[in-house]
Amino acid sequence: MRSEVGFAEFVRQHTPALVRTAYLLTGNGPAAEELVQDTLVRLYPKWDRVAAADAPLAYVRRALTNGFINHSRRASRREYAVAELPESIEEYDASARLADRDEIWAGLRRLPERQRAALVLRFFDDVSDEDAAAALGCRVGTVRSLISRGLAALREQMAADAGRTA
């Protein structure tokens, strides 16, 4: 009973941040919610171990990131380009207000999963390099390298996109 209360409290407190992280990783609201839900379902049976961790949120973020990376490796789950995009059912036109965000998101989507995860953890979730390393299961130097290469690739992509539109 005690672990159920702790789990429920953790979910209430941290779900918005976890969904935001998952959205930045997946680029899709429903997929982000599903990733968070799948992660929490996987962790619930061993919640006592998660709660006993030094930083339970970091533990869950690592599980979330690993779930994203493992999910994206499966060939049957990859996204494919289509000739025409379906019409949006939303009346709100966010494209004018979110042009820069869209450009950054498009650049993030072209990065390898680990680089994307490192950038999202570091810059969007404001996680330290040490905590990002713990979440990704690698060394701090590897995280810094992933961030450096990811930022360089984003800069190249944005410069190339700017050159095409000029």
N, C-alpha and C. Protein backbone atom coordinates (compact mmCIF):
# COMPACT_ATOMS: atom_id res chain seq x y z
N MET A 1 0.83 -1.19 0.00
CA MET A 1 0.00 0.00 0.00
C MET A 1 0.87 1.26 0.00
N ARG A 2 1.97 1.23 0.79
CA ARG A 2 2.84 2.39 0.89
C ARG A 2 3.49 2.72 -0.45
N SER A 3 3.95 1.68 -1.18
CA SER A 3 4.59 1.93 -2.48
C SER A 3 3.58 2.43 -3.50
N GLU A 4 2.33 2.00 -3.39
CA GLU A 4 1.29 2.49 -4.31
C GLU A 4 1.06 3.99 -4.12
N VAL A 5 1.05 4.43 -2.87
CA VAL A 5 0.87 5.85 -2.58
C VAL A 5 2.06 6.64 -3.10
N GLY A 6 3.26 6.14 -2.86
CA GLY A 6 4.46 6.81 -3.36
C GLY A 6 4.50 6.86 -4.88
N PHE A 7 4.09 5.77 -5.51
CA PHE A 7 4.04 5.73 -6.97
C PHE A 7 3.03 6.75 -7.50
N ALA A 8 1.83 6.76 -6.91
CA ALA A 8 0.79 7.69 -7.35
C ALA A 8 1.23 9.14 -7.16
N GLU A 9 1.89 9.43 -6.06
CA GLU A 9 2.38 10.78 -5.81
C GLU A 9 3.45 11.17 -6.83
N PHE A 10 4.36 10.25 -7.11
CA PHE A 10 5.41 10.50 -8.10
C PHE A 10 4.80 10.78 -9.47
N VAL A 11 3.82 9.97 -9.85
CA VAL A 11 3.18 10.14 -11.16
C VAL A 11 2.49 11.50 -11.24
N ARG A 12 1.76 11.88 -10.20
CA ARG A 12 1.08 13.18 -10.21
C ARG A 12 2.09 14.32 -10.31
N GLN A 13 3.17 14.21 -9.59
CA GLN A 13 4.14 15.30 -9.54
C GLN A 13 5.00 15.40 -10.80
N HIS A 14 5.38 14.28 -11.40
CA HIS A 14 6.40 14.32 -12.46
C HIS A 14 5.90 14.00 -13.86
N THR A 15 4.64 13.64 -14.02
CA THR A 15 4.15 13.29 -15.35
C THR A 15 4.30 14.43 -16.36
N PRO A 16 3.96 15.68 -16.02
CA PRO A 16 4.14 16.74 -17.03
C PRO A 16 5.57 16.85 -17.55
N ALA A 17 6.55 16.78 -16.66
CA ALA A 17 7.95 16.86 -17.09
C ALA A 17 8.34 15.64 -17.92
N LEU A 18 7.87 14.47 -17.54
CA LEU A 18 8.20 13.25 -18.29
C LEU A 18 7.55 13.28 -19.67
N VAL A 19 6.31 13.75 -19.75
CA VAL A 19 5.64 13.84 -21.06
C VAL A 19 6.36 14.85 -21.94
N ARG A 20 6.81 15.96 -21.36
CA ARG A 20 7.53 16.97 -22.14
C ARG A 20 8.83 16.37 -22.70
N THR A 21 9.55 15.64 -21.86
CA THR A 21 10.77 14.99 -22.33
C THR A 21 10.46 13.98 -23.42
N ALA A 22 9.44 13.18 -23.20
CA ALA A 22 9.06 12.17 -24.20
C ALA A 22 8.62 12.82 -25.50
N TYR A 23 7.91 13.95 -25.41
CA TYR A 23 7.49 14.64 -26.63
C TYR A 23 8.71 15.15 -27.41
N LEU A 24 9.67 15.68 -26.70
CA LEU A 24 10.86 16.17 -27.38
C LEU A 24 11.65 15.03 -28.02
N LEU A 25 11.56 13.85 -27.43
CA LEU A 25 12.23 12.69 -28.02
C LEU A 25 11.47 12.14 -29.21
N THR A 26 10.14 12.04 -29.09
CA THR A 26 9.33 11.39 -30.13
C THR A 26 8.79 12.35 -31.17
N GLY A 27 8.50 13.59 -30.77
CA GLY A 27 7.92 14.56 -31.69
C GLY A 27 6.44 14.36 -31.92
N ASN A 28 5.82 13.58 -31.07
CA ASN A 28 4.42 13.23 -31.29
C ASN A 28 3.75 13.14 -29.92
N GLY A 29 2.68 13.90 -29.71
CA GLY A 29 2.00 13.92 -28.42
C GLY A 29 1.50 12.56 -27.96
N PRO A 30 0.71 11.86 -28.79
CA PRO A 30 0.24 10.54 -28.38
C PRO A 30 1.37 9.54 -28.15
N ALA A 31 2.40 9.59 -28.99
CA ALA A 31 3.54 8.69 -28.81
C ALA A 31 4.28 9.01 -27.52
N ALA A 32 4.37 10.29 -27.18
CA ALA A 32 5.03 10.70 -25.94
C ALA A 32 4.26 10.19 -24.73
N GLU A 33 2.94 10.34 -24.76
CA GLU A 33 2.13 9.85 -23.65
C GLU A 33 2.24 8.33 -23.53
N GLU A 34 2.27 7.66 -24.66
CA GLU A 34 2.40 6.20 -24.65
C GLU A 34 3.77 5.78 -24.11
N LEU A 35 4.81 6.50 -24.49
CA LEU A 35 6.15 6.18 -24.00
C LEU A 35 6.22 6.35 -22.48
N VAL A 36 5.65 7.43 -21.96
CA VAL A 36 5.64 7.65 -20.51
C VAL A 36 4.84 6.56 -19.82
N GLN A 37 3.67 6.25 -20.37
CA GLN A 37 2.83 5.21 -19.78
C GLN A 37 3.53 3.85 -19.78
N ASP A 38 4.13 3.50 -20.90
CA ASP A 38 4.85 2.22 -20.98
C ASP A 38 6.00 2.16 -19.97
N THR A 39 6.70 3.27 -19.83
CA THR A 39 7.82 3.33 -18.89
C THR A 39 7.32 3.14 -17.46
N LEU A 40 6.25 3.84 -17.10
CA LEU A 40 5.72 3.73 -15.75
C LEU A 40 5.15 2.33 -15.48
N VAL A 41 4.53 1.74 -16.49
CA VAL A 41 4.01 0.37 -16.33
C VAL A 41 5.15 -0.60 -16.10
N ARG A 42 6.25 -0.43 -16.84
CA ARG A 42 7.41 -1.31 -16.67
C ARG A 42 8.05 -1.15 -15.29
N LEU A 43 8.03 0.09 -14.77
CA LEU A 43 8.70 0.35 -13.50
C LEU A 43 7.82 0.08 -12.27
N TYR A 44 6.52 0.03 -12.42
CA TYR A 44 5.63 -0.14 -11.28
C TYR A 44 5.93 -1.39 -10.46
N PRO A 45 6.14 -2.56 -11.07
CA PRO A 45 6.40 -3.75 -10.26
C PRO A 45 7.66 -3.65 -9.39
N LYS A 46 8.60 -2.83 -9.81
CA LYS A 46 9.83 -2.66 -9.02
C LYS A 46 9.94 -1.25 -8.46
N TRP A 47 8.79 -0.67 -8.09
CA TRP A 47 8.77 0.71 -7.63
C TRP A 47 9.57 0.92 -6.34
N ASP A 48 9.62 -0.08 -5.48
CA ASP A 48 10.41 0.05 -4.25
C ASP A 48 11.87 0.33 -4.58
N ARG A 49 12.39 -0.34 -5.61
CA ARG A 49 13.78 -0.13 -6.03
C ARG A 49 13.95 1.27 -6.62
N VAL A 50 12.96 1.72 -7.41
CA VAL A 50 13.02 3.06 -8.01
C VAL A 50 12.99 4.12 -6.91
N ALA A 51 12.07 3.97 -5.96
CA ALA A 51 11.92 4.94 -4.88
C ALA A 51 13.16 4.98 -3.99
N ALA A 52 13.88 3.88 -3.89
CA ALA A 52 15.08 3.83 -3.06
C ALA A 52 16.30 4.43 -3.75
N ALA A 53 16.18 4.71 -5.04
CA ALA A 53 17.31 5.29 -5.78
C ALA A 53 17.63 6.68 -5.25
N ASP A 54 18.87 7.12 -5.47
CA ASP A 54 19.28 8.46 -5.03
C ASP A 54 18.42 9.54 -5.66
N ALA A 55 18.08 9.36 -6.93
CA ALA A 55 17.25 10.33 -7.66
C ALA A 55 16.21 9.55 -8.47
N PRO A 56 15.04 9.30 -7.89
CA PRO A 56 14.02 8.51 -8.61
C PRO A 56 13.65 9.10 -9.97
N LEU A 57 13.59 10.44 -10.07
CA LEU A 57 13.25 11.05 -11.35
C LEU A 57 14.31 10.73 -12.40
N ALA A 58 15.56 10.77 -12.03
CA ALA A 58 16.65 10.43 -12.96
C ALA A 58 16.54 8.97 -13.38
N TYR A 59 16.19 8.10 -12.45
CA TYR A 59 16.01 6.67 -12.75
C TYR A 59 14.91 6.49 -13.79
N VAL A 60 13.79 7.20 -13.58
CA VAL A 60 12.66 7.08 -14.52
C VAL A 60 13.02 7.70 -15.86
N ARG A 61 13.74 8.83 -15.85
CA ARG A 61 14.17 9.46 -17.11
C ARG A 61 15.08 8.53 -17.90
N ARG A 62 15.96 7.84 -17.19
CA ARG A 62 16.84 6.90 -17.88
C ARG A 62 16.02 5.78 -18.51
N ALA A 63 15.06 5.25 -17.77
CA ALA A 63 14.20 4.20 -18.31
C ALA A 63 13.41 4.72 -19.50
N LEU A 64 12.94 5.97 -19.42
CA LEU A 64 12.19 6.60 -20.52
C LEU A 64 13.07 6.73 -21.75
N THR A 65 14.28 7.22 -21.56
CA THR A 65 15.22 7.40 -22.67
C THR A 65 15.59 6.07 -23.29
N ASN A 66 15.87 5.08 -22.45
CA ASN A 66 16.19 3.75 -22.97
C ASN A 66 15.01 3.16 -23.73
N GLY A 67 13.80 3.37 -23.21
CA GLY A 67 12.61 2.88 -23.90
C GLY A 67 12.47 3.52 -25.28
N PHE A 68 12.74 4.83 -25.35
CA PHE A 68 12.68 5.52 -26.64
C PHE A 68 13.72 4.97 -27.61
N ILE A 69 14.95 4.83 -27.14
CA ILE A 69 16.03 4.35 -28.02
C ILE A 69 15.73 2.93 -28.49
N ASN A 70 15.30 2.06 -27.58
CA ASN A 70 14.99 0.68 -27.97
C ASN A 70 13.80 0.63 -28.92
N HIS A 71 12.81 1.45 -28.68
CA HIS A 71 11.64 1.48 -29.54
C HIS A 71 12.00 1.94 -30.95
N SER A 72 12.85 2.96 -31.04
CA SER A 72 13.20 3.50 -32.36
C SER A 72 14.12 2.57 -33.14
N ARG A 73 14.76 1.63 -32.46
CA ARG A 73 15.63 0.68 -33.15
C ARG A 73 14.84 -0.39 -33.89
N ARG A 74 13.63 -0.64 -33.43
CA ARG A 74 12.83 -1.68 -34.07
C ARG A 74 12.40 -1.21 -35.46
N ALA A 75 12.75 -1.98 -36.46
CA ALA A 75 12.47 -1.59 -37.84
C ALA A 75 10.98 -1.44 -38.10
N SER A 76 10.15 -2.25 -37.47
CA SER A 76 8.72 -2.18 -37.72
C SER A 76 8.09 -0.92 -37.16
N ARG A 77 8.79 -0.18 -36.30
CA ARG A 77 8.24 1.01 -35.67
C ARG A 77 8.74 2.30 -36.32
N ARG A 78 9.57 2.22 -37.31
CA ARG A 78 10.12 3.43 -37.91
C ARG A 78 9.06 4.17 -38.70
N GLU A 79 9.22 5.48 -38.75
CA GLU A 79 8.31 6.31 -39.51
C GLU A 79 8.78 6.36 -40.97
N TYR A 80 7.83 6.50 -41.85
CA TYR A 80 8.16 6.58 -43.26
C TYR A 80 7.59 7.87 -43.84
N ALA A 81 8.31 8.44 -44.79
CA ALA A 81 7.85 9.66 -45.43
C ALA A 81 6.69 9.35 -46.36
N VAL A 82 5.76 10.29 -46.42
CA VAL A 82 4.61 10.14 -47.32
C VAL A 82 4.58 11.34 -48.25
N ALA A 83 3.96 11.15 -49.39
CA ALA A 83 3.92 12.21 -50.39
C ALA A 83 3.08 13.40 -49.92
N GLU A 84 1.96 13.11 -49.26
CA GLU A 84 1.07 14.18 -48.82
C GLU A 84 0.79 14.02 -47.33
N LEU A 85 0.80 15.15 -46.65
CA LEU A 85 0.47 15.12 -45.24
C LEU A 85 -1.04 15.19 -45.07
N PRO A 86 -1.59 14.51 -44.09
CA PRO A 86 -3.03 14.61 -43.86
C PRO A 86 -3.38 16.01 -43.39
N GLU A 87 -4.60 16.42 -43.66
CA GLU A 87 -5.04 17.74 -43.22
C GLU A 87 -5.13 17.77 -41.71
N SER A 88 -4.81 18.91 -41.16
CA SER A 88 -4.89 19.08 -39.72
C SER A 88 -6.33 19.34 -39.32
N ILE A 89 -6.75 18.74 -38.22
CA ILE A 89 -8.12 18.97 -37.77
C ILE A 89 -8.19 20.15 -36.80
N GLU A 90 -7.05 20.68 -36.44
CA GLU A 90 -7.02 21.82 -35.53
C GLU A 90 -7.24 23.11 -36.30
N GLU A 91 -7.99 24.02 -35.70
CA GLU A 91 -8.22 25.32 -36.32
C GLU A 91 -7.09 26.29 -36.00
N TYR A 92 -6.37 26.07 -34.93
CA TYR A 92 -5.30 26.94 -34.51
C TYR A 92 -4.09 26.75 -35.41
N ASP A 93 -3.64 27.79 -36.04
CA ASP A 93 -2.48 27.73 -36.91
C ASP A 93 -1.24 28.15 -36.14
N ALA A 94 -0.51 27.19 -35.67
CA ALA A 94 0.66 27.46 -34.85
C ALA A 94 1.92 27.70 -35.69
N SER A 95 1.86 27.45 -36.98
CA SER A 95 3.07 27.51 -37.79
C SER A 95 3.70 28.90 -37.81
N ALA A 96 2.88 29.95 -37.80
CA ALA A 96 3.44 31.30 -37.82
C ALA A 96 4.19 31.61 -36.52
N ARG A 97 3.67 31.14 -35.39
CA ARG A 97 4.28 31.44 -34.11
C ARG A 97 5.41 30.49 -33.75
N LEU A 98 5.44 29.33 -34.37
CA LEU A 98 6.40 28.30 -33.96
C LEU A 98 7.40 27.93 -35.04
N ALA A 99 7.69 28.84 -35.96
CA ALA A 99 8.58 28.52 -37.07
C ALA A 99 9.97 28.09 -36.59
N ASP A 100 10.53 28.84 -35.63
CA ASP A 100 11.85 28.47 -35.13
C ASP A 100 11.83 27.12 -34.43
N ARG A 101 10.80 26.88 -33.63
CA ARG A 101 10.68 25.60 -32.94
C ARG A 101 10.56 24.46 -33.93
N ASP A 102 9.80 24.69 -35.00
CA ASP A 102 9.65 23.65 -36.02
C ASP A 102 10.98 23.34 -36.69
N GLU A 103 11.75 24.39 -36.95
CA GLU A 103 13.05 24.20 -37.58
C GLU A 103 13.99 23.41 -36.66
N ILE A 104 13.99 23.76 -35.39
CA ILE A 104 14.82 23.03 -34.42
C ILE A 104 14.34 21.60 -34.30
N TRP A 105 13.03 21.42 -34.23
CA TRP A 105 12.49 20.06 -34.10
C TRP A 105 12.85 19.23 -35.33
N ALA A 106 12.74 19.81 -36.52
CA ALA A 106 13.10 19.08 -37.73
C ALA A 106 14.57 18.67 -37.69
N GLY A 107 15.40 19.57 -37.20
CA GLY A 107 16.82 19.23 -37.06
C GLY A 107 17.05 18.13 -36.04
N LEU A 108 16.35 18.19 -34.92
CA LEU A 108 16.47 17.15 -33.90
C LEU A 108 16.06 15.79 -34.43
N ARG A 109 15.01 15.76 -35.23
CA ARG A 109 14.52 14.49 -35.76
C ARG A 109 15.52 13.82 -36.70
N ARG A 110 16.39 14.62 -37.30
CA ARG A 110 17.38 14.05 -38.22
C ARG A 110 18.62 13.53 -37.50
N LEU A 111 18.73 13.80 -36.22
CA LEU A 111 19.89 13.35 -35.46
C LEU A 111 19.72 11.89 -35.04
N PRO A 112 20.82 11.20 -34.81
CA PRO A 112 20.73 9.85 -34.23
C PRO A 112 20.09 9.93 -32.84
N GLU A 113 19.47 8.84 -32.43
CA GLU A 113 18.68 8.83 -31.20
C GLU A 113 19.48 9.26 -29.97
N ARG A 114 20.71 8.77 -29.83
CA ARG A 114 21.50 9.09 -28.64
C ARG A 114 21.89 10.57 -28.61
N GLN A 115 22.21 11.15 -29.78
CA GLN A 115 22.52 12.57 -29.81
C GLN A 115 21.26 13.38 -29.45
N ARG A 116 20.13 12.99 -30.03
CA ARG A 116 18.88 13.67 -29.74
C ARG A 116 18.56 13.57 -28.24
N ALA A 117 18.70 12.39 -27.68
CA ALA A 117 18.41 12.20 -26.26
C ALA A 117 19.33 13.07 -25.40
N ALA A 118 20.60 13.13 -25.74
CA ALA A 118 21.56 13.94 -24.97
C ALA A 118 21.19 15.42 -25.04
N LEU A 119 20.83 15.90 -26.22
CA LEU A 119 20.45 17.31 -26.37
C LEU A 119 19.17 17.63 -25.62
N VAL A 120 18.18 16.74 -25.72
CA VAL A 120 16.91 16.97 -25.03
C VAL A 120 17.13 16.99 -23.52
N LEU A 121 17.87 16.03 -23.01
CA LEU A 121 18.11 15.99 -21.57
C LEU A 121 18.87 17.23 -21.10
N ARG A 122 19.88 17.61 -21.84
CA ARG A 122 20.74 18.72 -21.41
C ARG A 122 20.07 20.07 -21.55
N PHE A 123 19.48 20.36 -22.71
CA PHE A 123 19.00 21.71 -22.98
C PHE A 123 17.51 21.91 -22.74
N PHE A 124 16.70 20.90 -22.94
CA PHE A 124 15.27 21.07 -22.76
C PHE A 124 14.83 20.70 -21.35
N ASP A 125 15.49 19.72 -20.74
CA ASP A 125 15.16 19.34 -19.37
C ASP A 125 16.12 19.95 -18.35
N ASP A 126 17.15 20.65 -18.83
CA ASP A 126 18.13 21.30 -17.97
C ASP A 126 18.77 20.33 -16.99
N VAL A 127 19.14 19.16 -17.51
CA VAL A 127 19.80 18.12 -16.72
C VAL A 127 21.30 18.31 -16.88
N SER A 128 22.04 18.14 -15.80
CA SER A 128 23.50 18.29 -15.87
C SER A 128 24.09 17.17 -16.74
N ASP A 129 25.33 17.39 -17.17
CA ASP A 129 26.02 16.37 -17.97
C ASP A 129 26.13 15.05 -17.19
N GLU A 130 26.38 15.16 -15.90
CA GLU A 130 26.50 13.97 -15.07
C GLU A 130 25.19 13.19 -15.02
N ASP A 131 24.07 13.91 -14.82
CA ASP A 131 22.77 13.25 -14.77
C ASP A 131 22.37 12.71 -16.13
N ALA A 132 22.73 13.42 -17.19
CA ALA A 132 22.44 12.92 -18.54
C ALA A 132 23.23 11.65 -18.80
N ALA A 133 24.46 11.61 -18.33
CA ALA A 133 25.28 10.40 -18.48
C ALA A 133 24.65 9.24 -17.75
N ALA A 134 24.13 9.50 -16.55
CA ALA A 134 23.46 8.45 -15.79
C ALA A 134 22.20 7.99 -16.52
N ALA A 135 21.47 8.92 -17.09
CA ALA A 135 20.23 8.57 -17.80
C ALA A 135 20.52 7.78 -19.08
N LEU A 136 21.62 8.10 -19.74
CA LEU A 136 21.96 7.42 -20.99
C LEU A 136 22.83 6.18 -20.77
N GLY A 137 23.31 6.01 -19.55
CA GLY A 137 24.14 4.84 -19.25
C GLY A 137 25.51 4.91 -19.89
N CYS A 138 26.12 6.08 -19.85
CA CYS A 138 27.44 6.24 -20.45
C CYS A 138 28.26 7.19 -19.60
N ARG A 139 29.46 7.50 -20.04
CA ARG A 139 30.34 8.41 -19.31
C ARG A 139 29.99 9.86 -19.62
N VAL A 140 30.41 10.75 -18.75
CA VAL A 140 30.17 12.18 -18.92
C VAL A 140 30.83 12.67 -20.22
N GLY A 141 32.03 12.19 -20.48
CA GLY A 141 32.71 12.59 -21.72
C GLY A 141 31.94 12.18 -22.97
N THR A 142 31.29 11.03 -22.90
CA THR A 142 30.47 10.58 -24.03
C THR A 142 29.28 11.50 -24.23
N VAL A 143 28.66 11.91 -23.13
CA VAL A 143 27.52 12.84 -23.22
C VAL A 143 27.98 14.15 -23.84
N ARG A 144 29.11 14.66 -23.40
CA ARG A 144 29.62 15.93 -23.95
C ARG A 144 29.93 15.78 -25.43
N SER A 145 30.46 14.64 -25.81
CA SER A 145 30.75 14.38 -27.22
C SER A 145 29.45 14.30 -28.02
N LEU A 146 28.45 13.60 -27.49
CA LEU A 146 27.16 13.50 -28.18
C LEU A 146 26.53 14.89 -28.34
N ILE A 147 26.61 15.70 -27.29
CA ILE A 147 26.05 17.06 -27.36
C ILE A 147 26.82 17.89 -28.38
N SER A 148 28.13 17.82 -28.35
CA SER A 148 28.95 18.60 -29.29
C SER A 148 28.66 18.21 -30.73
N ARG A 149 28.64 16.89 -31.00
CA ARG A 149 28.35 16.44 -32.37
C ARG A 149 26.93 16.77 -32.77
N GLY A 150 25.99 16.67 -31.84
CA GLY A 150 24.60 16.99 -32.14
C GLY A 150 24.42 18.46 -32.47
N LEU A 151 25.03 19.34 -31.68
CA LEU A 151 24.94 20.77 -31.95
C LEU A 151 25.59 21.13 -33.29
N ALA A 152 26.74 20.51 -33.57
CA ALA A 152 27.41 20.77 -34.85
C ALA A 152 26.53 20.34 -36.01
N ALA A 153 25.89 19.19 -35.88
CA ALA A 153 25.01 18.70 -36.94
C ALA A 153 23.80 19.62 -37.10
N LEU A 154 23.24 20.11 -35.99
CA LEU A 154 22.11 21.05 -36.07
C LEU A 154 22.53 22.34 -36.76
N ARG A 155 23.70 22.84 -36.42
CA ARG A 155 24.19 24.08 -37.08
C ARG A 155 24.35 23.88 -38.58
N GLU A 156 24.92 22.74 -38.97
CA GLU A 156 25.09 22.45 -40.40
C GLU A 156 23.74 22.36 -41.10
N GLN A 157 22.80 21.67 -40.46
CA GLN A 157 21.47 21.51 -41.06
C GLN A 157 20.78 22.86 -41.22
N MET A 158 20.86 23.71 -40.19
CA MET A 158 20.20 25.01 -40.25
C MET A 158 20.85 25.91 -41.30
N ALA A 159 22.17 25.84 -41.41
CA ALA A 159 22.87 26.63 -42.43
C ALA A 159 22.49 26.15 -43.82
N ALA A 160 22.40 24.83 -44.00
CA ALA A 160 22.01 24.29 -45.30
C ALA A 160 20.57 24.66 -45.63
N ASP A 161 19.69 24.59 -44.65
CA ASP A 161 18.30 24.97 -44.88
C ASP A 161 18.17 26.45 -45.21
N ALA A 162 18.97 27.29 -44.53
CA ALA A 162 18.95 28.72 -44.80
C ALA A 162 19.48 29.01 -46.21
N GLY A 163 20.48 28.24 -46.64
CA GLY A 163 21.03 28.41 -47.99
C GLY A 163 20.03 28.02 -49.06
N ARG A 164 19.19 27.02 -48.79
CA ARG A 164 18.18 26.60 -49.77
C ARG A 164 17.04 27.60 -49.90
N THR A 165 16.71 28.30 -48.80
CA THR A 165 15.59 29.23 -48.85
C THR A 165 16.02 30.61 -49.30
N ALA A 166 17.33 30.87 -49.32
CA ALA A 166 17.80 32.22 -49.70
C ALA A 166 17.80 32.41 -51.18
